[in-house]
Amino acid sequence: MAGAERSDAAREGRGRLSSVAEVWGEGDYEAIVPHFSSIYDELVARLAPRPGERWLDIACGTGEIALRAARAGAAVSAVDIAPRMIERAQAKADAEGLDISFAVGDCMHLPYSDDSFDVCVSCFGLIFGSDSQRVASELKRVCRSRVGLTAWHEVPSLAEIYARFGRERVGGDPAMWADNADELLGDTFDVAVHERTWHLTAASGEDAYAFVTKTFPPLKAYVATLDDTTRDGLRAALVEYWEGQRTANGVSDPRPYALVIGTRA
């Protein structure tokens, strides 16, 4: 590649990272934490942190996995593409007096040398990398023992609603990891997939809409781009969907996901 072309590619890459970082930095992840606490707990427990082990939390968000591993005595590093996420995670670690090494970085180009970590983990994080094969390659490159991640399965009825209103996927396809983890990682790790279901709970469909558009950054960014008519139509369709998930105790929308554990073969 000629020098000018390399410069153009570098600028394009920086632009992409800046754009993605801005999107992911806008979500209110602290509002998600209590809802996902049991998911964090199981993922860390299945990887069984040991004192002194080197852990990497990839696409760490506000650091809930990293915090749990550090409390168990692991030597933890954590990386996320959004500087705002890293700032929030660092503040939480500082408040607990936990020594975690945080860095801004891309899961498709991890800033670490080969075999740097005993354990690599990601809770609904690396699955959004735009090139699943590239992310898997990086994961296999830096991890020498165990990997663990969670990945959403597609919900066809929700996918249909978003498609109807012209939403395009930001980043990769999470279902690729949920459905094909062995294909992505099986040449290096013995992979076990545990099927799980998380429930989005809310008092009403309107409350469910308010929650997801506040906490999930790509959806929040997408809604902000819509004109009033389209936004109102999307909101009505989603509220109707969630009202169809009503129980005696309010809305309870099942969201299937895969918990994937890999052990170096």
C-alpha atoms as a PDB file:
ATOM      1  CA  MET A   1       0.000   0.000   0.000  1.00  0.00           C
ATOM      2  CA  ALA A   2       1.345   3.430  -0.926  1.00  0.00           C
ATOM      3  CA  GLY A   3       2.022   5.991   1.780  1.00  0.00           C
ATOM      4  CA  ALA A   4      -1.010   8.123   0.915  1.00  0.00           C
ATOM      5  CA  GLU A   5      -3.249   5.075   0.926  1.00  0.00           C
ATOM      6  CA  ARG A   6      -1.890   3.990   4.309  1.00  0.00           C
ATOM      7  CA  SER A   7      -2.609   7.442   5.705  1.00  0.00           C
ATOM      8  CA  ASP A   8      -6.139   7.368   4.325  1.00  0.00           C
ATOM      9  CA  ALA A   9      -6.744   3.920   5.851  1.00  0.00           C
ATOM     10  CA  ALA A  10      -5.381   5.072   9.197  1.00  0.00           C
ATOM     11  CA  ARG A  11      -7.642   8.120   9.212  1.00  0.00           C
ATOM     12  CA  GLU A  12     -10.629   5.976   8.283  1.00  0.00           C
ATOM     13  CA  GLY A  13      -9.807   3.542  11.080  1.00  0.00           C
ATOM     14  CA  ARG A  14      -9.479   6.325  13.634  1.00  0.00           C
ATOM     15  CA  GLY A  15     -12.766   7.787  12.433  1.00  0.00           C
ATOM     16  CA  ARG A  16     -14.516   4.454  12.808  1.00  0.00           C
ATOM     17  CA  LEU A  17     -13.145   3.915  16.298  1.00  0.00           C
ATOM     18  CA  SER A  18     -14.091   7.443  17.327  1.00  0.00           C
ATOM     19  CA  SER A  19     -17.632   6.976  16.022  1.00  0.00           C
ATOM     20  CA  VAL A  20     -18.089   3.574  17.695  1.00  0.00           C
ATOM     21  CA  ALA A  21     -16.599   4.856  20.940  1.00  0.00           C
ATOM     22  CA  GLU A  22     -19.006   7.784  20.978  1.00  0.00           C
ATOM     23  CA  VAL A  23     -21.979   5.467  20.461  1.00  0.00           C
ATOM     24  CA  TRP A  24     -20.978   3.046  23.209  1.00  0.00           C
ATOM     25  CA  GLY A  25     -20.035   5.806  25.622  1.00  0.00           C
ATOM     26  CA  GLU A  26     -23.561   7.235  25.672  1.00  0.00           C
ATOM     27  CA  GLY A  27     -25.451   4.391  27.362  1.00  0.00           C
ATOM     28  CA  ASP A  28     -26.333   4.463  31.060  1.00  0.00           C
ATOM     29  CA  TYR A  29     -24.667   1.155  31.893  1.00  0.00           C
ATOM     30  CA  GLU A  30     -24.975   1.631  35.634  1.00  0.00           C
ATOM     31  CA  ALA A  31     -28.736   1.212  35.212  1.00  0.00           C
ATOM     32  CA  ILE A  32     -28.072  -2.226  33.690  1.00  0.00           C
ATOM     33  CA  VAL A  33     -25.791  -3.511  36.448  1.00  0.00           C
ATOM     34  CA  PRO A  34     -28.453  -4.689  38.942  1.00  0.00           C
ATOM     35  CA  HIS A  35     -30.350  -6.417  36.138  1.00  0.00           C
ATOM     36  CA  PHE A  36     -27.288  -8.328  34.926  1.00  0.00           C
ATOM     37  CA  SER A  37     -25.710  -9.118  38.301  1.00  0.00           C
ATOM     38  CA  SER A  38     -26.591 -12.823  38.216  1.00  0.00           C
ATOM     39  CA  ILE A  39     -25.113 -13.075  34.699  1.00  0.00           C
ATOM     40  CA  TYR A  40     -21.862 -11.464  35.841  1.00  0.00           C
ATOM     41  CA  ASP A  41     -21.739 -13.770  38.861  1.00  0.00           C
ATOM     42  CA  GLU A  42     -22.208 -16.980  36.888  1.00  0.00           C
ATOM     43  CA  LEU A  43     -19.730 -16.043  34.181  1.00  0.00           C
ATOM     44  CA  VAL A  44     -16.997 -15.280  36.703  1.00  0.00           C
ATOM     45  CA  ALA A  45     -17.808 -18.339  38.838  1.00  0.00           C
ATOM     46  CA  ARG A  46     -17.557 -20.681  35.855  1.00  0.00           C
ATOM     47  CA  LEU A  47     -14.105 -19.311  35.067  1.00  0.00           C
ATOM     48  CA  ALA A  48     -13.071 -19.801  38.722  1.00  0.00           C
ATOM     49  CA  PRO A  49     -10.540 -16.973  39.247  1.00  0.00           C
ATOM     50  CA  ARG A  50      -7.398 -17.930  41.132  1.00  0.00           C
ATOM     51  CA  PRO A  51      -5.120 -15.567  43.035  1.00  0.00           C
ATOM     52  CA  GLY A  52      -2.416 -14.206  40.760  1.00  0.00           C
ATOM     53  CA  GLU A  53      -3.982 -15.371  37.511  1.00  0.00           C
ATOM     54  CA  ARG A  54      -3.849 -12.826  34.704  1.00  0.00           C
ATOM     55  CA  TRP A  55      -7.335 -11.888  33.493  1.00  0.00           C
ATOM     56  CA  LEU A  56      -8.440  -9.689  30.610  1.00  0.00           C
ATOM     57  CA  ASP A  57     -11.976  -8.274  30.531  1.00  0.00           C
ATOM     58  CA  ILE A  58     -12.641  -7.421  26.875  1.00  0.00           C
ATOM     59  CA  ALA A  59     -15.176  -4.696  26.032  1.00  0.00           C
ATOM     60  CA  CYS A  60     -15.451  -4.281  29.792  1.00  0.00           C
ATOM     61  CA  GLY A  61     -18.112  -1.576  29.932  1.00  0.00           C
ATOM     62  CA  THR A  62     -18.195  -0.169  33.449  1.00  0.00           C
ATOM     63  CA  GLY A  63     -16.071  -3.041  34.734  1.00  0.00           C
ATOM     64  CA  GLU A  64     -18.376  -5.407  36.581  1.00  0.00           C
ATOM     65  CA  ILE A  65     -16.542  -8.549  35.438  1.00  0.00           C
ATOM     66  CA  ALA A  66     -13.138  -6.996  36.079  1.00  0.00           C
ATOM     67  CA  LEU A  67     -14.191  -5.947  39.586  1.00  0.00           C
ATOM     68  CA  ARG A  68     -15.400  -9.442  40.472  1.00  0.00           C
ATOM     69  CA  ALA A  69     -12.213 -11.092  39.228  1.00  0.00           C
ATOM     70  CA  ALA A  70     -10.016  -8.588  41.069  1.00  0.00           C
ATOM     71  CA  ARG A  71     -11.936  -9.142  44.311  1.00  0.00           C
ATOM     72  CA  ALA A  72     -11.082 -12.843  43.953  1.00  0.00           C
ATOM     73  CA  GLY A  73      -7.380 -12.037  43.745  1.00  0.00           C
ATOM     74  CA  ALA A  74      -6.771 -12.179  39.990  1.00  0.00           C
ATOM     75  CA  ALA A  75      -4.387  -9.714  38.321  1.00  0.00           C
ATOM     76  CA  VAL A  76      -6.848  -7.961  36.047  1.00  0.00           C
ATOM     77  CA  SER A  77      -6.568  -5.854  32.919  1.00  0.00           C
ATOM     78  CA  ALA A  78      -9.617  -4.482  31.126  1.00  0.00           C
ATOM     79  CA  VAL A  79     -10.144  -2.845  27.762  1.00  0.00           C
ATOM     80  CA  ASP A  80     -13.047  -0.994  26.143  1.00  0.00           C
ATOM     81  CA  ILE A  81     -13.414   1.061  22.989  1.00  0.00           C
ATOM     82  CA  ALA A  82     -15.253   3.879  24.801  1.00  0.00           C
ATOM     83  CA  PRO A  83     -13.145   6.202  26.992  1.00  0.00           C
ATOM     84  CA  ARG A  84     -16.248   7.112  29.011  1.00  0.00           C
ATOM     85  CA  MET A  85     -16.740   3.469  29.943  1.00  0.00           C
ATOM     86  CA  ILE A  86     -13.129   3.198  31.046  1.00  0.00           C
ATOM     87  CA  GLU A  87     -13.461   6.342  33.171  1.00  0.00           C
ATOM     88  CA  ARG A  88     -16.522   4.930  34.930  1.00  0.00           C
ATOM     89  CA  ALA A  89     -14.909   1.541  35.465  1.00  0.00           C
ATOM     90  CA  GLN A  90     -11.711   3.110  36.814  1.00  0.00           C
ATOM     91  CA  ALA A  91     -13.693   5.202  39.291  1.00  0.00           C
ATOM     92  CA  LYS A  92     -15.436   2.103  40.635  1.00  0.00           C
ATOM     93  CA  ALA A  93     -12.132   0.233  40.998  1.00  0.00           C
ATOM     94  CA  ASP A  94     -10.547   3.222  42.755  1.00  0.00           C
ATOM     95  CA  ALA A  95     -13.482   3.435  45.166  1.00  0.00           C
ATOM     96  CA  GLU A  96     -12.844  -0.183  46.208  1.00  0.00           C
ATOM     97  CA  GLY A  97      -9.061   0.130  46.226  1.00  0.00           C
ATOM     98  CA  LEU A  98      -8.721  -2.492  43.478  1.00  0.00           C
ATOM     99  CA  ASP A  99      -5.630  -2.416  41.264  1.00  0.00           C
ATOM    100  CA  ILE A 100      -7.027  -3.018  37.760  1.00  0.00           C
ATOM    101  CA  SER A 101      -5.174  -1.951  34.621  1.00  0.00           C
ATOM    102  CA  PHE A 102      -7.704  -0.237  32.332  1.00  0.00           C
ATOM    103  CA  ALA A 103      -7.032   0.749  28.720  1.00  0.00           C
ATOM    104  CA  VAL A 104      -8.928   2.146  25.758  1.00  0.00           C
ATOM    105  CA  GLY A 105      -8.759  -0.308  22.877  1.00  0.00           C
ATOM    106  CA  ASP A 106     -10.521  -2.261  20.157  1.00  0.00           C
ATOM    107  CA  CYS A 107     -11.398  -5.952  20.556  1.00  0.00           C
ATOM    108  CA  MET A 108     -10.317  -6.490  16.935  1.00  0.00           C
ATOM    109  CA  HIS A 109      -6.818  -5.157  17.688  1.00  0.00           C
ATOM    110  CA  LEU A 110      -6.070  -5.949  21.319  1.00  0.00           C
ATOM    111  CA  PRO A 111      -3.062  -3.973  22.609  1.00  0.00           C
ATOM    112  CA  TYR A 112      -1.420  -6.993  24.258  1.00  0.00           C
ATOM    113  CA  SER A 113       1.243  -9.511  23.298  1.00  0.00           C
ATOM    114  CA  ASP A 114       0.636 -13.193  22.537  1.00  0.00           C
ATOM    115  CA  ASP A 115      -0.358 -15.463  25.463  1.00  0.00           C
ATOM    116  CA  SER A 116      -0.542 -12.520  27.849  1.00  0.00           C
ATOM    117  CA  PHE A 117      -3.512 -13.799  29.857  1.00  0.00           C
ATOM    118  CA  ASP A 118      -4.614 -16.964  31.602  1.00  0.00           C
ATOM    119  CA  VAL A 119      -8.271 -15.981  31.223  1.00  0.00           C
ATOM    120  CA  CYS A 120     -10.103 -13.763  28.746  1.00  0.00           C
ATOM    121  CA  VAL A 121     -13.720 -12.858  29.420  1.00  0.00           C
ATOM    122  CA  SER A 122     -16.423 -10.670  27.905  1.00  0.00           C
ATOM    123  CA  CYS A 123     -20.007 -10.141  29.018  1.00  0.00           C
ATOM    124  CA  PHE A 124     -22.116  -9.007  26.038  1.00  0.00           C
ATOM    125  CA  GLY A 125     -19.089  -7.090  24.795  1.00  0.00           C
ATOM    126  CA  LEU A 126     -16.768  -8.511  22.147  1.00  0.00           C
ATOM    127  CA  ILE A 127     -19.795  -9.980  20.347  1.00  0.00           C
ATOM    128  CA  PHE A 128     -20.409  -6.511  18.886  1.00  0.00           C
ATOM    129  CA  GLY A 129     -17.040  -6.348  17.123  1.00  0.00           C
ATOM    130  CA  SER A 130     -17.716  -5.848  13.412  1.00  0.00           C
ATOM    131  CA  ASP A 131     -15.521  -8.772  12.281  1.00  0.00           C
ATOM    132  CA  SER A 132     -16.257 -11.891  14.360  1.00  0.00           C
ATOM    133  CA  GLN A 133     -13.408 -13.865  12.809  1.00  0.00           C
ATOM    134  CA  ARG A 134     -10.938 -11.105  13.598  1.00  0.00           C
ATOM    135  CA  VAL A 135     -12.184 -10.848  17.182  1.00  0.00           C
ATOM    136  CA  ALA A 136     -11.904 -14.628  17.606  1.00  0.00           C
ATOM    137  CA  SER A 137      -8.365 -14.545  16.241  1.00  0.00           C
ATOM    138  CA  GLU A 138      -7.361 -11.883  18.746  1.00  0.00           C
ATOM    139  CA  LEU A 139      -8.999 -13.800  21.581  1.00  0.00           C
ATOM    140  CA  LYS A 140      -7.063 -16.948  20.685  1.00  0.00           C
ATOM    141  CA  ARG A 141      -3.857 -14.970  20.310  1.00  0.00           C
ATOM    142  CA  VAL A 142      -3.780 -13.382  23.762  1.00  0.00           C
ATOM    143  CA  CYS A 143      -5.380 -16.154  25.860  1.00  0.00           C
ATOM    144  CA  ARG A 144      -3.420 -19.185  27.000  1.00  0.00           C
ATOM    145  CA  SER A 145      -5.915 -21.048  29.198  1.00  0.00           C
ATOM    146  CA  ARG A 146      -9.643 -20.233  29.508  1.00  0.00           C
ATOM    147  CA  VAL A 147     -12.171 -18.008  27.785  1.00  0.00           C
ATOM    148  CA  GLY A 148     -15.702 -17.088  28.784  1.00  0.00           C
ATOM    149  CA  LEU A 149     -18.309 -14.900  27.134  1.00  0.00           C
ATOM    150  CA  THR A 150     -22.024 -14.272  26.848  1.00  0.00           C
ATOM    151  CA  ALA A 151     -23.806 -13.690  23.542  1.00  0.00           C
ATOM    152  CA  TRP A 152     -27.388 -12.807  22.682  1.00  0.00           C
ATOM    153  CA  HIS A 153     -29.477 -15.004  20.436  1.00  0.00           C
ATOM    154  CA  GLU A 154     -31.614 -13.156  17.924  1.00  0.00           C
ATOM    155  CA  VAL A 155     -35.252 -12.519  18.863  1.00  0.00           C
ATOM    156  CA  PRO A 156     -36.997 -12.718  15.457  1.00  0.00           C
ATOM    157  CA  SER A 157     -40.073 -10.709  16.467  1.00  0.00           C
ATOM    158  CA  LEU A 158     -37.915  -7.810  17.678  1.00  0.00           C
ATOM    159  CA  ALA A 159     -35.626  -8.056  14.665  1.00  0.00           C
ATOM    160  CA  GLU A 160     -38.678  -7.721  12.411  1.00  0.00           C
ATOM    161  CA  ILE A 161     -39.795  -4.543  14.186  1.00  0.00           C
ATOM    162  CA  TYR A 162     -36.389  -2.918  13.910  1.00  0.00           C
ATOM    163  CA  ALA A 163     -36.103  -3.916  10.239  1.00  0.00           C
ATOM    164  CA  ARG A 164     -39.529  -2.421   9.555  1.00  0.00           C
ATOM    165  CA  PHE A 165     -38.269   0.948  10.790  1.00  0.00           C
ATOM    166  CA  GLY A 166     -34.984   0.799   8.904  1.00  0.00           C
ATOM    167  CA  ARG A 167     -32.579   0.114  11.734  1.00  0.00           C
ATOM    168  CA  GLU A 168     -29.199  -1.149  10.568  1.00  0.00           C
ATOM    169  CA  ARG A 169     -26.950  -3.225  12.795  1.00  0.00           C
ATOM    170  CA  VAL A 170     -24.045  -1.376  14.425  1.00  0.00           C
ATOM    171  CA  GLY A 171     -20.974  -3.583  14.668  1.00  0.00           C
ATOM    172  CA  GLY A 172     -21.098  -7.346  14.425  1.00  0.00           C
ATOM    173  CA  ASP A 173     -23.848  -9.906  14.796  1.00  0.00           C
ATOM    174  CA  PRO A 174     -24.104 -11.119  18.429  1.00  0.00           C
ATOM    175  CA  ALA A 175     -26.033 -14.198  17.294  1.00  0.00           C
ATOM    176  CA  MET A 176     -22.947 -15.289  15.340  1.00  0.00           C
ATOM    177  CA  TRP A 177     -21.261 -15.932  18.681  1.00  0.00           C
ATOM    178  CA  ALA A 178     -24.360 -17.416  20.304  1.00  0.00           C
ATOM    179  CA  ASP A 179     -24.967 -19.840  17.438  1.00  0.00           C
ATOM    180  CA  ASN A 180     -21.435 -20.549  16.208  1.00  0.00           C
ATOM    181  CA  ALA A 181     -19.069 -20.309  19.172  1.00  0.00           C
ATOM    182  CA  ASP A 182     -17.533 -23.707  18.457  1.00  0.00           C
ATOM    183  CA  GLU A 183     -16.869 -22.728  14.843  1.00  0.00           C
ATOM    184  CA  LEU A 184     -15.186 -19.496  15.942  1.00  0.00           C
ATOM    185  CA  LEU A 185     -13.124 -20.903  18.823  1.00  0.00           C
ATOM    186  CA  GLY A 186     -13.131 -24.691  18.498  1.00  0.00           C
ATOM    187  CA  ASP A 187      -9.803 -24.974  16.696  1.00  0.00           C
ATOM    188  CA  THR A 188      -8.061 -23.711  19.849  1.00  0.00           C
ATOM    189  CA  PHE A 189     -10.442 -24.301  22.767  1.00  0.00           C
ATOM    190  CA  ASP A 190     -12.706 -27.101  23.937  1.00  0.00           C
ATOM    191  CA  VAL A 191     -15.977 -25.186  23.887  1.00  0.00           C
ATOM    192  CA  ALA A 192     -19.036 -25.710  26.086  1.00  0.00           C
ATOM    193  CA  VAL A 193     -22.203 -23.693  25.438  1.00  0.00           C
ATOM    194  CA  HIS A 194     -24.763 -23.211  28.205  1.00  0.00           C
ATOM    195  CA  GLU A 195     -28.136 -21.863  27.103  1.00  0.00           C
ATOM    196  CA  ARG A 196     -29.648 -19.240  29.376  1.00  0.00           C
ATOM    197  CA  THR A 197     -32.555 -16.793  29.413  1.00  0.00           C
ATOM    198  CA  TRP A 198     -32.559 -13.316  30.883  1.00  0.00           C
ATOM    199  CA  HIS A 199     -35.863 -11.479  31.343  1.00  0.00           C
ATOM    200  CA  LEU A 200     -36.312  -7.806  30.612  1.00  0.00           C
ATOM    201  CA  THR A 201     -38.766  -6.793  33.324  1.00  0.00           C
ATOM    202  CA  ALA A 202     -40.718  -3.557  33.583  1.00  0.00           C
ATOM    203  CA  ALA A 203     -44.014  -2.261  34.905  1.00  0.00           C
ATOM    204  CA  SER A 204     -45.285  -1.574  31.393  1.00  0.00           C
ATOM    205  CA  GLY A 205     -44.342  -1.541  27.745  1.00  0.00           C
ATOM    206  CA  GLU A 206     -43.652   2.181  28.020  1.00  0.00           C
ATOM    207  CA  ASP A 207     -41.274   1.567  30.906  1.00  0.00           C
ATOM    208  CA  ALA A 208     -39.500  -1.172  28.926  1.00  0.00           C
ATOM    209  CA  TYR A 209     -39.035   1.233  26.016  1.00  0.00           C
ATOM    210  CA  ALA A 210     -37.660   3.921  28.308  1.00  0.00           C
ATOM    211  CA  PHE A 211     -35.214   1.453  29.866  1.00  0.00           C
ATOM    212  CA  VAL A 212     -33.736   0.026  26.660  1.00  0.00           C
ATOM    213  CA  THR A 213     -33.444   3.398  24.913  1.00  0.00           C
ATOM    214  CA  LYS A 214     -31.616   4.758  27.953  1.00  0.00           C
ATOM    215  CA  THR A 215     -29.237   1.883  28.581  1.00  0.00           C
ATOM    216  CA  PHE A 216     -28.403   0.212  25.250  1.00  0.00           C
ATOM    217  CA  PRO A 217     -26.072   2.572  23.364  1.00  0.00           C
ATOM    218  CA  PRO A 218     -26.643   1.487  19.721  1.00  0.00           C
ATOM    219  CA  LEU A 219     -30.420   1.663  20.170  1.00  0.00           C
ATOM    220  CA  LYS A 220     -30.177   5.029  21.908  1.00  0.00           C
ATOM    221  CA  ALA A 221     -28.020   6.352  19.052  1.00  0.00           C
ATOM    222  CA  TYR A 222     -30.391   4.973  16.421  1.00  0.00           C
ATOM    223  CA  VAL A 223     -33.498   6.482  18.020  1.00  0.00           C
ATOM    224  CA  ALA A 224     -31.767   9.865  18.137  1.00  0.00           C
ATOM    225  CA  THR A 225     -31.413   9.822  14.335  1.00  0.00           C
ATOM    226  CA  LEU A 226     -35.134   9.314  13.647  1.00  0.00           C
ATOM    227  CA  ASP A 227     -37.643  11.950  12.645  1.00  0.00           C
ATOM    228  CA  ASP A 228     -40.633  12.371  14.956  1.00  0.00           C
ATOM    229  CA  THR A 229     -43.004  10.249  12.854  1.00  0.00           C
ATOM    230  CA  THR A 230     -40.638   7.302  12.542  1.00  0.00           C
ATOM    231  CA  ARG A 231     -39.631   7.499  16.206  1.00  0.00           C
ATOM    232  CA  ASP A 232     -43.269   7.520  17.311  1.00  0.00           C
ATOM    233  CA  GLY A 233     -44.013   4.555  15.061  1.00  0.00           C
ATOM    234  CA  LEU A 234     -41.077   2.553  16.424  1.00  0.00           C
ATOM    235  CA  ARG A 235     -42.033   3.381  19.975  1.00  0.00           C
ATOM    236  CA  ALA A 236     -45.640   2.299  19.426  1.00  0.00           C
ATOM    237  CA  ALA A 237     -44.548  -0.979  17.827  1.00  0.00           C
ATOM    238  CA  LEU A 238     -42.101  -1.802  20.619  1.00  0.00           C
ATOM    239  CA  VAL A 239     -44.551  -0.884  23.378  1.00  0.00           C
ATOM    240  CA  GLU A 240     -47.169  -3.100  21.736  1.00  0.00           C
ATOM    241  CA  TYR A 241     -44.645  -5.940  21.566  1.00  0.00           C
ATOM    242  CA  TRP A 242     -43.735  -5.604  25.239  1.00  0.00           C
ATOM    243  CA  GLU A 243     -47.339  -5.325  26.327  1.00  0.00           C
ATOM    244  CA  GLY A 244     -47.780  -8.691  24.621  1.00  0.00           C
ATOM    245  CA  GLN A 245     -45.226 -10.040  27.141  1.00  0.00           C
ATOM    246  CA  ARG A 246     -47.312  -8.921  30.124  1.00  0.00           C
ATOM    247  CA  THR A 247     -47.672 -11.186  33.166  1.00  0.00           C
ATOM    248  CA  ALA A 248     -49.454 -10.749  36.480  1.00  0.00           C
ATOM    249  CA  ASN A 249     -46.391  -8.859  37.726  1.00  0.00           C
ATOM    250  CA  GLY A 250     -45.839  -6.611  34.737  1.00  0.00           C
ATOM    251  CA  VAL A 251     -43.866  -7.047  31.521  1.00  0.00           C
ATOM    252  CA  SER A 252     -41.422  -9.963  31.406  1.00  0.00           C
ATOM    253  CA  ASP A 253     -39.719 -10.353  28.028  1.00  0.00           C
ATOM    254  CA  PRO A 254     -37.494 -13.463  27.713  1.00  0.00           C
ATOM    255  CA  ARG A 255     -34.136 -12.824  26.048  1.00  0.00           C
ATOM    256  CA  PRO A 256     -32.213 -16.033  25.274  1.00  0.00           C
ATOM    257  CA  TYR A 257     -28.428 -15.952  25.386  1.00  0.00           C
ATOM    258  CA  ALA A 258     -25.510 -18.336  25.313  1.00  0.00           C
ATOM    259  CA  LEU A 259     -22.887 -18.559  28.055  1.00  0.00           C
ATOM    260  CA  VAL A 260     -19.762 -19.901  26.356  1.00  0.00           C
ATOM    261  CA  ILE A 261     -16.788 -21.396  28.190  1.00  0.00           C
ATOM    262  CA  GLY A 262     -13.646 -22.531  26.393  1.00  0.00           C
ATOM    263  CA  THR A 263     -10.635 -24.371  27.764  1.00  0.00           C
ATOM    264  CA  ARG A 264      -7.381 -24.433  25.819  1.00  0.00           C
ATOM    265  CA  ALA A 265      -7.148 -27.787  24.063  1.00  0.00           C
END
